[in-house]
N, C-alpha and C. Protein backbone atom coordinates (compact mmCIF):
# COMPACT_ATOMS: atom_id res chain seq x y z
N MET A 1 129.58 86.24 104.54
CA MET A 1 129.18 87.49 104.99
C MET A 1 128.24 88.05 103.94
N LYS A 2 127.05 88.62 104.41
CA LYS A 2 126.06 89.12 103.47
C LYS A 2 126.48 90.49 102.99
N LYS A 3 126.14 90.72 101.75
CA LYS A 3 126.43 92.01 101.13
C LYS A 3 125.36 92.98 101.62
N LYS A 4 125.84 94.18 101.96
CA LYS A 4 124.87 95.23 102.49
C LYS A 4 124.10 95.72 101.31
N GLU A 5 122.80 95.79 101.51
CA GLU A 5 121.91 96.25 100.49
C GLU A 5 121.56 97.68 100.72
N LYS A 6 121.66 98.43 99.66
CA LYS A 6 121.28 99.90 99.77
C LYS A 6 119.71 100.00 99.60
N LYS A 7 119.05 100.58 100.55
CA LYS A 7 117.61 100.84 100.47
C LYS A 7 117.40 102.14 99.76
N GLU A 8 116.52 102.13 98.83
CA GLU A 8 116.24 103.30 98.03
C GLU A 8 114.75 103.61 98.15
N TYR A 9 114.36 104.86 98.38
CA TYR A 9 112.97 105.21 98.51
C TYR A 9 112.55 105.83 97.21
N LEU A 10 111.43 105.36 96.66
CA LEU A 10 110.95 105.85 95.42
C LEU A 10 109.66 106.51 95.65
N PRO A 11 109.58 107.82 95.44
CA PRO A 11 108.42 108.64 95.72
C PRO A 11 107.25 108.31 94.71
N ILE A 12 106.11 107.80 95.27
CA ILE A 12 104.94 107.54 94.42
C ILE A 12 104.38 108.83 93.82
N GLU A 13 104.65 109.98 94.45
CA GLU A 13 104.10 111.28 93.98
C GLU A 13 104.68 111.57 92.58
N ASP A 14 105.87 111.07 92.27
CA ASP A 14 106.46 111.32 90.98
C ASP A 14 105.69 110.61 89.86
N ILE A 15 105.13 109.45 90.24
CA ILE A 15 104.21 108.76 89.29
C ILE A 15 103.06 109.65 88.90
N TRP A 16 102.50 110.25 89.94
CA TRP A 16 101.28 111.05 89.77
C TRP A 16 101.56 112.25 88.80
N LYS A 17 102.80 112.72 88.86
CA LYS A 17 103.17 113.86 88.02
C LYS A 17 103.29 113.50 86.50
N ARG A 18 103.55 112.26 86.25
CA ARG A 18 103.69 111.80 84.89
C ARG A 18 102.36 111.45 84.28
N TYR A 19 101.36 111.05 85.05
CA TYR A 19 100.01 110.66 84.53
C TYR A 19 98.95 111.68 84.95
N ASP A 20 98.09 111.98 84.02
CA ASP A 20 96.97 112.83 84.46
C ASP A 20 96.06 112.00 85.43
N ASN A 21 95.94 110.76 85.18
CA ASN A 21 95.15 109.82 86.05
C ASN A 21 96.14 109.03 86.85
N ARG A 22 96.26 109.31 88.13
CA ARG A 22 97.31 108.68 88.97
C ARG A 22 97.07 107.20 89.13
N TYR A 23 95.78 106.78 89.02
CA TYR A 23 95.52 105.33 89.18
C TYR A 23 96.02 104.58 87.98
N LYS A 24 95.98 105.20 86.82
CA LYS A 24 96.54 104.52 85.63
C LYS A 24 98.02 104.29 85.77
N GLY A 25 98.79 105.21 86.36
CA GLY A 25 100.21 105.03 86.65
C GLY A 25 100.47 103.85 87.59
N VAL A 26 99.72 103.85 88.63
CA VAL A 26 99.83 102.80 89.63
C VAL A 26 99.51 101.44 89.05
N LEU A 27 98.49 101.41 88.17
CA LEU A 27 98.13 100.15 87.45
C LEU A 27 99.27 99.63 86.59
N LYS A 28 99.95 100.59 85.91
CA LYS A 28 101.06 100.22 84.98
C LYS A 28 102.17 99.62 85.82
N VAL A 29 102.40 100.20 86.93
CA VAL A 29 103.46 99.60 87.87
C VAL A 29 103.03 98.26 88.32
N ALA A 30 101.86 98.05 88.76
CA ALA A 30 101.41 96.80 89.23
C ALA A 30 101.44 95.68 88.06
N GLU A 31 101.12 96.12 86.88
CA GLU A 31 101.19 95.08 85.79
C GLU A 31 102.60 94.69 85.51
N GLU A 32 103.54 95.67 85.57
CA GLU A 32 104.91 95.33 85.29
C GLU A 32 105.52 94.57 86.49
N ALA A 33 105.14 94.85 87.69
CA ALA A 33 105.63 94.08 88.84
C ALA A 33 105.19 92.59 88.75
N ARG A 34 103.91 92.42 88.26
CA ARG A 34 103.37 91.04 88.17
C ARG A 34 104.13 90.33 87.05
N ARG A 35 104.40 90.98 85.97
CA ARG A 35 105.19 90.42 84.84
C ARG A 35 106.57 90.03 85.31
N LEU A 36 107.28 90.86 86.04
CA LEU A 36 108.59 90.60 86.50
C LEU A 36 108.55 89.36 87.40
N PHE A 37 107.54 89.27 88.33
CA PHE A 37 107.38 88.11 89.22
C PHE A 37 107.26 86.84 88.42
N GLU A 38 106.39 86.85 87.44
CA GLU A 38 106.13 85.71 86.61
C GLU A 38 107.42 85.19 85.90
N ILE A 39 108.22 86.09 85.49
CA ILE A 39 109.46 85.80 84.72
C ILE A 39 110.44 85.04 85.75
N THR A 40 110.61 85.63 86.91
CA THR A 40 111.76 85.21 87.79
C THR A 40 111.30 84.21 88.80
N GLN A 41 110.03 84.34 89.29
CA GLN A 41 109.49 83.52 90.35
C GLN A 41 110.32 83.48 91.61
N GLU A 42 111.07 84.59 91.86
CA GLU A 42 111.76 84.73 93.10
C GLU A 42 111.00 85.55 94.11
N ARG A 43 110.77 85.06 95.29
CA ARG A 43 109.90 85.75 96.27
C ARG A 43 110.68 86.92 96.98
N ASP A 44 111.99 86.93 96.92
CA ASP A 44 112.68 87.92 97.78
C ASP A 44 113.08 89.14 96.89
N SER A 45 112.74 89.19 95.62
CA SER A 45 113.07 90.34 94.78
C SER A 45 112.09 91.50 95.02
N GLU A 46 112.54 92.66 94.71
CA GLU A 46 111.75 93.85 94.91
C GLU A 46 111.09 94.27 93.62
N PHE A 47 110.05 93.55 93.29
CA PHE A 47 109.37 93.74 91.96
C PHE A 47 108.75 95.15 91.81
N ILE A 48 108.14 95.62 92.89
CA ILE A 48 107.46 96.95 92.75
C ILE A 48 108.45 97.98 92.58
N SER A 49 109.56 97.97 93.34
CA SER A 49 110.62 99.01 93.18
C SER A 49 111.24 99.01 91.74
N LYS A 50 111.42 97.83 91.24
CA LYS A 50 111.98 97.68 89.88
C LYS A 50 110.99 98.22 88.87
N ALA A 51 109.74 97.87 89.05
CA ALA A 51 108.73 98.41 88.14
C ALA A 51 108.54 99.91 88.21
N ILE A 52 108.65 100.52 89.38
CA ILE A 52 108.56 101.98 89.50
C ILE A 52 109.77 102.55 88.87
N GLN A 53 110.98 102.02 88.98
CA GLN A 53 112.07 102.59 88.37
C GLN A 53 112.01 102.55 86.85
N LYS A 54 111.50 101.43 86.29
CA LYS A 54 111.28 101.40 84.88
C LYS A 54 110.30 102.42 84.41
N LEU A 55 109.20 102.61 85.21
CA LEU A 55 108.24 103.65 84.70
C LEU A 55 108.91 105.00 84.78
N MET A 56 109.61 105.32 85.83
CA MET A 56 110.28 106.70 86.00
C MET A 56 111.43 106.81 85.00
N ASN A 57 112.00 105.86 84.43
CA ASN A 57 113.04 105.95 83.49
C ASN A 57 112.45 105.97 82.02
N GLY A 58 111.10 105.90 81.96
CA GLY A 58 110.47 105.90 80.62
C GLY A 58 110.50 104.66 79.87
N LYS A 59 110.81 103.52 80.49
CA LYS A 59 110.84 102.21 79.80
C LYS A 59 109.55 101.58 79.73
N LEU A 60 108.52 102.10 80.32
CA LEU A 60 107.19 101.49 80.25
C LEU A 60 106.24 102.42 79.41
N LYS A 61 105.39 101.89 78.58
CA LYS A 61 104.48 102.73 77.81
C LYS A 61 103.45 103.38 78.72
N LYS A 62 103.01 104.59 78.31
CA LYS A 62 101.95 105.18 79.04
C LYS A 62 100.61 104.60 78.73
C-alpha cells in the first residue's frame, strides 16, 4: 500500500519578498534544484520544492 503524500504549496511571491531582484531569487532556487538532482539522480523527487524550502529557511546564500 502506498504512503499518502502530503502536497504542499510554496508561494513564489515569498521569494520575491526576500530579494530586491526577484529573478536572482528564482535563479538561486534553480541552481539548488539542479545541484540536488545531480547528487541524487532520482527523477521522481521534488527538487524545486526542496530548493524553495531551503531558500525560505535561510539555508541558501543570497
